[in-house]
């Protein structure tokens, strides 16, 4: 069923888990399931990190306005250790590829796509945050590139309930040929069965 697969863990970073303007309260609730998937897939996990620019002036186009609003999240103000993964995932990431990105999608710089093509990957298992932003960009880019996608529904999180729920409904109803939405327990069972 899975074919050749990899787990993409999206942006599970301290700047979203801790007390910052971008805090995602749900992250703590989803974290045990994200960790369970990451521990079960340690040799097949790729992590992504969202990296803001040093200053709002370094951003391009509409991102410049975005970072004028969120100036406190630029690297001149944000402690660099806030870019790190949450501590619970650090053991799983020691030897894993880390894809840093400056936009929502991990596909724009082609590094992730190149790795997955090298490994002949057919299926991606997606966890992380936020469901309606970086996770959605990861999923839709994967669909466009022809991957079968499994979204682990209790291992994704958002800071906004309504848009998380709408995103999950969209994924469940509109992309049934390309996307499966499954709970952690089912994904772990599939992985155990090989």
N, C-alpha and C. Protein backbone atom coordinates (compact mmCIF):
# COMPACT_ATOMS: atom_id res chain seq x y z
N UNK A 1 0.81 -1.20 0.00
CA UNK A 1 0.00 0.00 0.00
C UNK A 1 0.86 1.27 0.00
N UNK A 2 1.91 1.31 0.81
CA UNK A 2 2.73 2.52 0.90
C UNK A 2 3.73 2.64 -0.23
N UNK A 3 4.23 1.52 -0.73
CA UNK A 3 5.34 1.60 -1.67
C UNK A 3 6.56 2.17 -0.96
N UNK A 4 7.40 2.84 -1.69
CA UNK A 4 8.57 3.49 -1.09
C UNK A 4 8.10 4.81 -0.49
N UNK A 5 8.36 5.04 0.79
CA UNK A 5 7.76 6.18 1.48
C UNK A 5 8.76 6.93 2.33
N UNK A 6 8.38 8.14 2.71
CA UNK A 6 9.11 8.95 3.69
C UNK A 6 8.10 9.72 4.53
N UNK A 7 8.53 10.09 5.73
CA UNK A 7 7.74 10.93 6.64
C UNK A 7 8.29 12.34 6.56
N UNK A 8 7.43 13.32 6.31
CA UNK A 8 7.81 14.74 6.33
C UNK A 8 7.21 15.35 7.58
N UNK A 9 8.06 15.79 8.48
CA UNK A 9 7.63 16.46 9.72
C UNK A 9 7.81 17.97 9.51
N UNK A 10 6.70 18.68 9.46
CA UNK A 10 6.68 20.08 9.04
C UNK A 10 6.79 21.04 10.24
N UNK A 11 7.87 21.77 10.30
CA UNK A 11 8.02 22.98 11.13
C UNK A 11 7.64 22.82 12.61
N UNK A 12 8.04 21.74 13.21
CA UNK A 12 7.78 21.54 14.64
C UNK A 12 8.90 22.22 15.44
N UNK A 13 8.87 23.54 15.44
CA UNK A 13 9.95 24.35 15.98
C UNK A 13 9.55 25.05 17.27
N UNK A 14 10.56 25.41 18.03
CA UNK A 14 10.33 26.09 19.31
C UNK A 14 9.58 27.40 19.14
N UNK A 15 9.79 28.12 18.04
CA UNK A 15 9.13 29.42 17.88
C UNK A 15 7.61 29.28 17.73
N UNK A 16 7.12 28.08 17.41
CA UNK A 16 5.69 27.84 17.35
C UNK A 16 5.18 27.17 18.63
N UNK A 17 6.05 26.49 19.34
CA UNK A 17 5.65 25.76 20.55
C UNK A 17 5.71 26.63 21.80
N UNK A 18 6.53 27.67 21.76
CA UNK A 18 6.77 28.46 22.98
C UNK A 18 6.08 29.83 22.89
N UNK A 19 6.31 30.65 23.89
CA UNK A 19 5.60 31.92 24.04
C UNK A 19 6.17 32.98 23.10
N UNK A 20 5.69 32.95 21.85
CA UNK A 20 6.04 33.96 20.85
C UNK A 20 4.72 34.42 20.20
N UNK A 21 4.75 35.47 19.40
CA UNK A 21 3.54 35.87 18.69
C UNK A 21 3.02 34.80 17.72
N UNK A 22 3.85 33.86 17.35
CA UNK A 22 3.43 32.77 16.45
C UNK A 22 3.12 31.48 17.21
N UNK A 23 2.90 31.56 18.49
CA UNK A 23 2.61 30.38 19.32
C UNK A 23 1.39 29.62 18.79
N UNK A 24 1.54 28.30 18.67
CA UNK A 24 0.45 27.41 18.23
C UNK A 24 0.08 26.54 19.43
N UNK A 25 -0.96 26.93 20.18
CA UNK A 25 -1.30 26.19 21.40
C UNK A 25 -1.55 24.70 21.17
N UNK A 26 -2.11 24.35 20.01
CA UNK A 26 -2.39 22.94 19.72
C UNK A 26 -1.14 22.09 19.59
N UNK A 27 -0.01 22.70 19.37
CA UNK A 27 1.20 21.93 19.11
C UNK A 27 1.48 20.95 20.25
N UNK A 28 1.27 21.37 21.47
CA UNK A 28 1.51 20.48 22.62
C UNK A 28 0.60 19.26 22.57
N UNK A 29 -0.64 19.47 22.13
CA UNK A 29 -1.60 18.36 22.05
C UNK A 29 -1.22 17.38 20.93
N UNK A 30 -0.76 17.89 19.81
CA UNK A 30 -0.39 17.03 18.68
C UNK A 30 0.99 16.40 18.85
N UNK A 31 1.82 17.00 19.69
CA UNK A 31 3.21 16.57 19.79
C UNK A 31 3.41 15.09 20.11
N UNK A 32 2.68 14.48 21.05
CA UNK A 32 2.91 13.05 21.30
C UNK A 32 2.69 12.18 20.05
N UNK A 33 1.71 12.54 19.23
CA UNK A 33 1.47 11.77 18.02
C UNK A 33 2.55 12.03 16.96
N UNK A 34 3.01 13.27 16.87
CA UNK A 34 4.11 13.58 15.95
C UNK A 34 5.35 12.79 16.37
N UNK A 35 5.64 12.78 17.66
CA UNK A 35 6.81 12.04 18.16
C UNK A 35 6.65 10.55 17.89
N UNK A 36 5.45 10.01 18.10
CA UNK A 36 5.23 8.58 17.86
C UNK A 36 5.53 8.22 16.41
N UNK A 37 5.07 9.04 15.48
CA UNK A 37 5.35 8.78 14.06
C UNK A 37 6.85 8.95 13.78
N UNK A 38 7.45 10.00 14.31
CA UNK A 38 8.88 10.24 14.07
C UNK A 38 9.74 9.11 14.64
N UNK A 39 9.40 8.62 15.82
CA UNK A 39 10.16 7.51 16.41
C UNK A 39 10.00 6.22 15.61
N UNK A 40 8.83 6.03 15.02
CA UNK A 40 8.59 4.82 14.23
C UNK A 40 9.22 4.91 12.84
N UNK A 41 9.62 6.12 12.44
CA UNK A 41 10.13 6.33 11.08
C UNK A 41 11.48 7.04 11.07
N UNK A 42 12.25 6.88 12.13
CA UNK A 42 13.48 7.67 12.29
C UNK A 42 14.37 7.66 11.06
N UNK A 43 14.56 6.52 10.44
CA UNK A 43 15.44 6.44 9.27
C UNK A 43 14.79 6.95 7.99
N UNK A 44 13.50 7.24 8.05
CA UNK A 44 12.78 7.70 6.86
C UNK A 44 12.13 9.06 7.05
N UNK A 45 12.56 9.82 8.04
CA UNK A 45 11.96 11.12 8.30
C UNK A 45 12.82 12.26 7.75
N UNK A 46 12.14 13.25 7.19
CA UNK A 46 12.76 14.50 6.77
C UNK A 46 12.05 15.61 7.54
N UNK A 47 12.81 16.50 8.15
CA UNK A 47 12.25 17.62 8.90
C UNK A 47 12.35 18.89 8.07
N UNK A 48 11.33 19.75 8.18
CA UNK A 48 11.43 21.08 7.59
C UNK A 48 11.41 22.11 8.72
N UNK A 49 12.04 23.25 8.43
CA UNK A 49 12.02 24.38 9.36
C UNK A 49 11.72 25.66 8.58
N UNK A 50 10.86 26.47 9.16
CA UNK A 50 10.54 27.78 8.59
C UNK A 50 11.54 28.79 9.15
N UNK A 51 12.27 29.46 8.26
CA UNK A 51 13.32 30.38 8.69
C UNK A 51 12.98 31.80 8.23
N UNK A 52 12.68 32.71 9.16
CA UNK A 52 12.39 34.10 8.78
C UNK A 52 13.67 34.81 8.30
N UNK A 53 13.50 35.94 7.61
CA UNK A 53 14.68 36.71 7.19
C UNK A 53 15.31 37.43 8.38
N UNK A 54 16.51 37.93 8.18
CA UNK A 54 17.19 38.69 9.24
C UNK A 54 16.42 39.96 9.59
N UNK A 55 15.91 40.64 8.56
CA UNK A 55 15.13 41.87 8.77
C UNK A 55 13.96 41.87 7.79
N UNK A 56 12.98 42.71 8.07
CA UNK A 56 11.85 42.82 7.14
C UNK A 56 12.31 43.36 5.79
N UNK A 57 13.35 44.16 5.77
CA UNK A 57 13.85 44.73 4.52
C UNK A 57 14.44 43.67 3.59
N UNK A 58 14.90 42.56 4.14
CA UNK A 58 15.46 41.49 3.31
C UNK A 58 14.39 40.64 2.63
N UNK A 59 13.14 40.75 3.11
CA UNK A 59 12.05 39.97 2.52
C UNK A 59 11.70 40.54 1.15
N UNK A 60 11.08 39.69 0.32
CA UNK A 60 10.72 40.12 -1.03
C UNK A 60 9.20 40.25 -1.17
N UNK A 61 8.77 41.14 -2.05
CA UNK A 61 7.36 41.28 -2.39
C UNK A 61 6.47 41.44 -1.17
N UNK A 62 5.37 40.70 -1.16
CA UNK A 62 4.39 40.78 -0.07
C UNK A 62 4.97 40.28 1.25
N UNK A 63 6.04 39.49 1.19
CA UNK A 63 6.69 39.05 2.42
C UNK A 63 7.27 40.24 3.19
N UNK A 64 7.63 41.31 2.48
CA UNK A 64 8.15 42.50 3.16
C UNK A 64 7.07 43.08 4.09
N UNK A 65 5.83 43.20 3.58
CA UNK A 65 4.72 43.69 4.42
C UNK A 65 4.45 42.73 5.58
N UNK A 66 4.52 41.45 5.26
CA UNK A 66 4.28 40.42 6.28
C UNK A 66 5.26 40.61 7.45
N UNK A 67 6.53 40.78 7.12
CA UNK A 67 7.54 40.90 8.18
C UNK A 67 7.62 42.31 8.78
N UNK A 68 7.02 43.28 8.13
CA UNK A 68 6.86 44.58 8.80
C UNK A 68 5.84 44.43 9.92
N UNK A 69 4.82 43.61 9.68
CA UNK A 69 3.83 43.31 10.74
C UNK A 69 4.46 42.45 11.83
N UNK A 70 5.21 41.44 11.44
CA UNK A 70 5.80 40.48 12.38
C UNK A 70 7.29 40.76 12.58
N UNK A 71 7.69 41.98 12.69
CA UNK A 71 9.11 42.36 12.81
C UNK A 71 9.80 41.64 13.97
N UNK A 72 9.03 41.36 15.04
CA UNK A 72 9.63 40.71 16.22
C UNK A 72 10.01 39.25 15.96
N UNK A 73 9.57 38.70 14.81
CA UNK A 73 9.90 37.32 14.45
C UNK A 73 11.01 37.26 13.41
N UNK A 74 11.60 38.40 13.07
CA UNK A 74 12.77 38.38 12.19
C UNK A 74 14.00 38.00 13.01
N UNK A 75 15.03 37.56 12.35
CA UNK A 75 16.19 37.02 13.06
C UNK A 75 16.98 38.07 13.83
N UNK A 76 16.79 39.34 13.52
CA UNK A 76 17.46 40.37 14.32
C UNK A 76 16.83 40.50 15.71
N UNK A 77 15.61 39.96 15.88
CA UNK A 77 14.92 40.05 17.18
C UNK A 77 14.67 38.67 17.82
N UNK A 78 14.51 37.66 17.01
CA UNK A 78 14.18 36.32 17.51
C UNK A 78 15.45 35.57 17.89
N UNK A 79 15.55 35.05 19.11
CA UNK A 79 16.73 34.24 19.45
C UNK A 79 16.87 33.05 18.49
N UNK A 80 18.06 32.81 18.00
CA UNK A 80 18.27 31.77 16.98
C UNK A 80 17.87 30.38 17.45
N UNK A 81 17.97 30.12 18.75
CA UNK A 81 17.59 28.78 19.22
C UNK A 81 16.09 28.52 19.10
N UNK A 82 15.30 29.57 18.86
CA UNK A 82 13.87 29.38 18.64
C UNK A 82 13.59 28.73 17.28
N UNK A 83 14.57 28.71 16.39
CA UNK A 83 14.42 28.05 15.10
C UNK A 83 14.53 26.54 15.22
N UNK A 84 15.10 26.06 16.34
CA UNK A 84 15.33 24.63 16.53
C UNK A 84 14.03 23.86 16.66
N UNK A 85 14.11 22.57 16.38
CA UNK A 85 12.97 21.69 16.63
C UNK A 85 12.68 21.66 18.13
N UNK A 86 11.44 21.31 18.47
CA UNK A 86 11.10 21.14 19.88
C UNK A 86 11.97 20.03 20.45
N UNK A 87 12.33 20.11 21.73
CA UNK A 87 13.27 19.13 22.31
C UNK A 87 12.85 17.68 22.14
N UNK A 88 11.56 17.40 22.18
CA UNK A 88 11.08 16.02 22.08
C UNK A 88 11.44 15.37 20.75
N UNK A 89 11.65 16.18 19.70
CA UNK A 89 11.97 15.64 18.38
C UNK A 89 13.46 15.61 18.06
N UNK A 90 14.26 16.25 18.89
CA UNK A 90 15.70 16.33 18.62
C UNK A 90 16.34 14.94 18.48
N UNK A 91 16.02 13.96 19.35
CA UNK A 91 16.64 12.63 19.17
C UNK A 91 16.31 11.99 17.82
N UNK A 92 15.12 12.26 17.30
CA UNK A 92 14.73 11.68 16.01
C UNK A 92 15.40 12.38 14.84
N UNK A 93 15.90 13.58 15.08
CA UNK A 93 16.44 14.41 13.99
C UNK A 93 17.95 14.36 13.88
N UNK A 94 18.62 13.62 14.74
CA UNK A 94 20.08 13.65 14.77
C UNK A 94 20.72 13.34 13.42
N UNK A 95 20.19 12.35 12.71
CA UNK A 95 20.77 11.97 11.42
C UNK A 95 19.82 12.24 10.26
N UNK A 96 18.72 12.91 10.52
CA UNK A 96 17.71 13.13 9.49
C UNK A 96 18.03 14.37 8.66
N UNK A 97 17.64 14.35 7.39
CA UNK A 97 17.78 15.57 6.58
C UNK A 97 16.90 16.69 7.16
N UNK A 98 17.41 17.91 7.09
CA UNK A 98 16.68 19.09 7.56
C UNK A 98 16.59 20.06 6.38
N UNK A 99 15.36 20.37 5.98
CA UNK A 99 15.13 21.28 4.87
C UNK A 99 14.69 22.62 5.45
N UNK A 100 15.53 23.63 5.30
CA UNK A 100 15.18 24.98 5.74
C UNK A 100 14.53 25.72 4.58
N UNK A 101 13.48 26.48 4.90
CA UNK A 101 12.73 27.19 3.86
C UNK A 101 12.35 28.57 4.36
N UNK A 102 12.23 29.51 3.46
CA UNK A 102 11.89 30.88 3.85
C UNK A 102 10.44 31.22 3.50
N UNK A 103 9.71 30.24 2.94
CA UNK A 103 8.30 30.41 2.59
C UNK A 103 7.52 29.21 3.11
N UNK A 104 6.22 29.23 2.92
CA UNK A 104 5.38 28.16 3.46
C UNK A 104 5.70 26.80 2.84
N UNK A 105 5.97 26.79 1.55
CA UNK A 105 6.17 25.53 0.83
C UNK A 105 7.62 25.06 0.91
N UNK A 106 7.83 23.76 1.11
CA UNK A 106 9.20 23.23 1.08
C UNK A 106 9.65 22.88 -0.34
N UNK A 107 8.78 23.11 -1.33
CA UNK A 107 9.06 22.65 -2.69
C UNK A 107 9.73 23.70 -3.56
N UNK A 108 9.75 24.96 -3.15
CA UNK A 108 10.23 26.02 -4.04
C UNK A 108 11.74 25.97 -4.30
N UNK A 109 12.51 25.41 -3.38
CA UNK A 109 13.96 25.37 -3.55
C UNK A 109 14.46 24.04 -4.12
N UNK A 110 13.56 23.10 -4.34
CA UNK A 110 13.83 21.81 -5.01
C UNK A 110 14.70 20.83 -4.22
N UNK A 111 15.29 21.23 -3.09
CA UNK A 111 16.14 20.31 -2.34
C UNK A 111 15.35 19.08 -1.88
N UNK A 112 14.14 19.30 -1.36
CA UNK A 112 13.32 18.19 -0.89
C UNK A 112 12.92 17.29 -2.06
N UNK A 113 12.47 17.87 -3.14
CA UNK A 113 12.08 17.08 -4.31
C UNK A 113 13.25 16.25 -4.83
N UNK A 114 14.43 16.83 -4.86
CA UNK A 114 15.62 16.11 -5.34
C UNK A 114 15.92 14.90 -4.45
N UNK A 115 15.85 15.10 -3.13
CA UNK A 115 16.08 13.98 -2.20
C UNK A 115 15.07 12.87 -2.42
N UNK A 116 13.80 13.22 -2.51
CA UNK A 116 12.75 12.21 -2.65
C UNK A 116 12.86 11.47 -3.97
N UNK A 117 13.23 12.18 -5.02
CA UNK A 117 13.44 11.51 -6.31
C UNK A 117 14.63 10.55 -6.25
N UNK A 118 15.68 10.96 -5.57
CA UNK A 118 16.86 10.10 -5.41
C UNK A 118 16.50 8.80 -4.69
N UNK A 119 15.57 8.90 -3.73
CA UNK A 119 15.14 7.73 -2.95
C UNK A 119 13.98 6.99 -3.60
N UNK A 120 13.50 7.47 -4.75
CA UNK A 120 12.38 6.83 -5.48
C UNK A 120 11.12 6.75 -4.62
N UNK A 121 10.83 7.83 -3.90
CA UNK A 121 9.69 7.86 -2.98
C UNK A 121 8.38 7.98 -3.76
N UNK A 122 7.38 7.22 -3.31
CA UNK A 122 6.04 7.26 -3.90
C UNK A 122 5.01 7.86 -2.95
N UNK A 123 5.20 7.64 -1.65
CA UNK A 123 4.22 8.04 -0.64
C UNK A 123 4.87 8.92 0.41
N UNK A 124 4.17 9.98 0.82
CA UNK A 124 4.63 10.85 1.90
C UNK A 124 3.63 10.81 3.04
N UNK A 125 4.15 10.63 4.24
CA UNK A 125 3.37 10.70 5.47
C UNK A 125 3.65 12.07 6.07
N UNK A 126 2.61 12.86 6.30
CA UNK A 126 2.78 14.26 6.71
C UNK A 126 2.29 14.47 8.14
N UNK A 127 3.16 15.10 8.96
CA UNK A 127 2.80 15.55 10.31
C UNK A 127 3.31 16.98 10.47
N UNK A 128 2.86 17.67 11.53
CA UNK A 128 3.44 18.96 11.86
C UNK A 128 2.45 20.10 11.89
N UNK A 129 2.98 21.31 11.71
CA UNK A 129 2.15 22.51 11.84
C UNK A 129 2.54 23.55 10.79
N UNK A 130 1.69 24.46 10.53
CA UNK A 130 0.30 24.51 10.86
C UNK A 130 -0.52 23.91 9.72
N UNK A 131 -1.59 23.23 10.09
CA UNK A 131 -2.42 22.52 9.13
C UNK A 131 -2.81 23.38 7.94
N UNK A 132 -3.22 24.61 8.22
CA UNK A 132 -3.80 25.49 7.20
C UNK A 132 -2.78 26.42 6.56
N UNK A 133 -1.50 26.23 6.84
CA UNK A 133 -0.47 27.09 6.26
C UNK A 133 0.64 26.19 5.69
N UNK A 134 1.69 25.94 6.45
CA UNK A 134 2.85 25.19 5.93
C UNK A 134 2.53 23.72 5.65
N UNK A 135 1.69 23.11 6.47
CA UNK A 135 1.31 21.72 6.20
C UNK A 135 0.51 21.65 4.90
N UNK A 136 -0.44 22.58 4.73
CA UNK A 136 -1.24 22.60 3.49
C UNK A 136 -0.34 22.83 2.28
N UNK A 137 0.60 23.74 2.37
CA UNK A 137 1.51 23.99 1.25
C UNK A 137 2.35 22.75 0.94
N UNK A 138 2.75 22.04 1.96
CA UNK A 138 3.52 20.80 1.78
C UNK A 138 2.67 19.74 1.09
N UNK A 139 1.44 19.58 1.55
CA UNK A 139 0.54 18.57 1.00
C UNK A 139 0.22 18.86 -0.46
N UNK A 140 -0.22 20.08 -0.75
CA UNK A 140 -0.64 20.39 -2.12
C UNK A 140 0.52 20.35 -3.11
N UNK A 141 1.71 20.77 -2.66
CA UNK A 141 2.89 20.64 -3.51
C UNK A 141 3.22 19.18 -3.79
N UNK A 142 3.06 18.34 -2.78
CA UNK A 142 3.31 16.90 -2.95
C UNK A 142 2.33 16.29 -3.94
N UNK A 143 1.06 16.68 -3.83
CA UNK A 143 0.06 16.20 -4.78
C UNK A 143 0.43 16.62 -6.20
N UNK A 144 0.80 17.88 -6.37
CA UNK A 144 1.18 18.37 -7.70
C UNK A 144 2.35 17.60 -8.28
N UNK A 145 3.24 17.12 -7.41
CA UNK A 145 4.41 16.38 -7.87
C UNK A 145 4.13 14.89 -8.04
N UNK A 146 2.89 14.46 -7.76
CA UNK A 146 2.50 13.08 -8.02
C UNK A 146 2.65 12.12 -6.86
N UNK A 147 2.96 12.61 -5.67
CA UNK A 147 3.08 11.73 -4.51
C UNK A 147 1.70 11.34 -3.97
N UNK A 148 1.59 10.12 -3.49
CA UNK A 148 0.45 9.72 -2.67
C UNK A 148 0.74 10.28 -1.28
N UNK A 149 -0.24 10.92 -0.66
CA UNK A 149 -0.03 11.61 0.62
C UNK A 149 -0.93 11.01 1.69
N UNK A 150 -0.33 10.73 2.84
CA UNK A 150 -1.08 10.34 4.03
C UNK A 150 -0.91 11.45 5.06
N UNK A 151 -2.01 12.09 5.41
CA UNK A 151 -2.00 13.13 6.43
C UNK A 151 -2.40 12.48 7.75
N UNK A 152 -1.56 12.62 8.76
CA UNK A 152 -1.84 12.01 10.06
C UNK A 152 -2.69 13.02 10.85
N UNK A 153 -3.99 12.77 10.91
CA UNK A 153 -4.93 13.80 11.34
C UNK A 153 -4.76 14.27 12.78
N UNK A 154 -4.29 13.43 13.67
CA UNK A 154 -4.08 13.88 15.05
C UNK A 154 -2.63 14.28 15.30
N UNK A 155 -1.82 14.32 14.24
CA UNK A 155 -0.42 14.74 14.34
C UNK A 155 -0.16 15.98 13.49
N UNK A 156 -1.22 16.73 13.19
CA UNK A 156 -1.10 18.05 12.58
C UNK A 156 -1.84 19.03 13.48
N UNK A 157 -1.43 20.28 13.44
CA UNK A 157 -2.00 21.25 14.37
C UNK A 157 -2.03 22.64 13.76
N UNK A 158 -2.89 23.47 14.33
CA UNK A 158 -3.01 24.85 13.89
C UNK A 158 -3.32 25.73 15.08
N UNK A 159 -3.12 27.02 14.91
CA UNK A 159 -3.48 27.96 15.95
C UNK A 159 -4.92 28.45 15.83
N UNK A 160 -5.60 28.06 14.74
CA UNK A 160 -6.96 28.53 14.49
C UNK A 160 -7.87 27.33 14.24
N UNK A 161 -8.80 27.10 15.14
CA UNK A 161 -9.68 25.92 15.06
C UNK A 161 -10.46 25.86 13.75
N UNK A 162 -11.10 26.97 13.37
CA UNK A 162 -11.99 26.95 12.20
C UNK A 162 -11.24 26.62 10.92
N UNK A 163 -10.08 27.21 10.73
CA UNK A 163 -9.35 26.95 9.48
C UNK A 163 -8.68 25.57 9.49
N UNK A 164 -8.31 25.08 10.67
CA UNK A 164 -7.83 23.69 10.77
C UNK A 164 -8.94 22.74 10.34
N UNK A 165 -10.13 22.93 10.93
CA UNK A 165 -11.25 22.04 10.62
C UNK A 165 -11.62 22.11 9.14
N UNK A 166 -11.65 23.33 8.59
CA UNK A 166 -11.97 23.49 7.17
C UNK A 166 -10.91 22.83 6.29
N UNK A 167 -9.65 22.95 6.69
CA UNK A 167 -8.57 22.32 5.93
C UNK A 167 -8.69 20.81 5.93
N UNK A 168 -8.98 20.25 7.09
CA UNK A 168 -9.12 18.79 7.17
C UNK A 168 -10.33 18.31 6.36
N UNK A 169 -11.41 19.07 6.40
CA UNK A 169 -12.59 18.72 5.60
C UNK A 169 -12.26 18.78 4.11
N UNK A 170 -11.55 19.81 3.69
CA UNK A 170 -11.11 19.94 2.30
C UNK A 170 -10.27 18.74 1.88
N UNK A 171 -9.30 18.38 2.69
CA UNK A 171 -8.41 17.27 2.35
C UNK A 171 -9.17 15.95 2.29
N UNK A 172 -10.13 15.75 3.18
CA UNK A 172 -10.89 14.50 3.21
C UNK A 172 -11.88 14.37 2.06
N UNK A 173 -12.41 15.51 1.59
CA UNK A 173 -13.50 15.46 0.61
C UNK A 173 -13.08 15.74 -0.82
N UNK A 174 -12.03 16.52 -1.04
CA UNK A 174 -11.72 16.98 -2.39
C UNK A 174 -10.54 16.26 -3.04
N UNK A 175 -9.75 15.54 -2.29
CA UNK A 175 -8.53 14.95 -2.84
C UNK A 175 -8.45 13.44 -2.57
N UNK A 176 -9.58 12.75 -2.63
CA UNK A 176 -9.63 11.35 -2.21
C UNK A 176 -8.79 10.41 -3.07
N UNK A 177 -8.48 10.81 -4.29
CA UNK A 177 -7.64 9.95 -5.14
C UNK A 177 -6.16 10.08 -4.81
N UNK A 178 -5.80 11.19 -4.17
CA UNK A 178 -4.38 11.46 -3.93
C UNK A 178 -4.00 11.51 -2.46
N UNK A 179 -4.97 11.75 -1.58
CA UNK A 179 -4.70 11.97 -0.16
C UNK A 179 -5.55 11.06 0.70
N UNK A 180 -4.93 10.45 1.70
CA UNK A 180 -5.64 9.74 2.76
C UNK A 180 -5.44 10.52 4.05
N UNK A 181 -6.47 10.61 4.85
CA UNK A 181 -6.37 11.23 6.17
C UNK A 181 -6.64 10.13 7.19
N UNK A 182 -5.61 9.82 7.99
CA UNK A 182 -5.69 8.68 8.91
C UNK A 182 -5.20 9.09 10.30
N UNK A 183 -5.72 8.43 11.36
CA UNK A 183 -5.20 8.71 12.70
C UNK A 183 -3.84 8.04 12.91
N UNK A 184 -3.13 8.53 13.90
CA UNK A 184 -1.80 7.99 14.23
C UNK A 184 -1.83 6.48 14.41
N UNK A 185 -2.83 5.97 15.11
CA UNK A 185 -2.89 4.52 15.39
C UNK A 185 -2.93 3.72 14.10
N UNK A 186 -3.69 4.16 13.11
CA UNK A 186 -3.75 3.45 11.83
C UNK A 186 -2.42 3.52 11.08
N UNK A 187 -1.80 4.70 11.10
CA UNK A 187 -0.51 4.85 10.41
C UNK A 187 0.54 3.97 11.06
N UNK A 188 0.58 3.92 12.37
CA UNK A 188 1.55 3.07 13.06
C UNK A 188 1.31 1.60 12.74
N UNK A 189 0.07 1.19 12.63
CA UNK A 189 -0.25 -0.19 12.25
C UNK A 189 0.23 -0.49 10.84
N UNK A 190 -0.04 0.42 9.91
CA UNK A 190 0.43 0.24 8.52
C UNK A 190 1.95 0.13 8.47
N UNK A 191 2.63 1.00 9.23
CA UNK A 191 4.10 0.97 9.25
C UNK A 191 4.61 -0.34 9.84
N UNK A 192 3.98 -0.82 10.88
CA UNK A 192 4.40 -2.07 11.53
C UNK A 192 4.21 -3.27 10.61
N UNK A 193 3.19 -3.21 9.77
CA UNK A 193 2.92 -4.31 8.85
C UNK A 193 3.86 -4.31 7.66
N UNK A 194 4.57 -3.18 7.49
CA UNK A 194 5.57 -3.09 6.43
C UNK A 194 4.95 -2.90 5.08
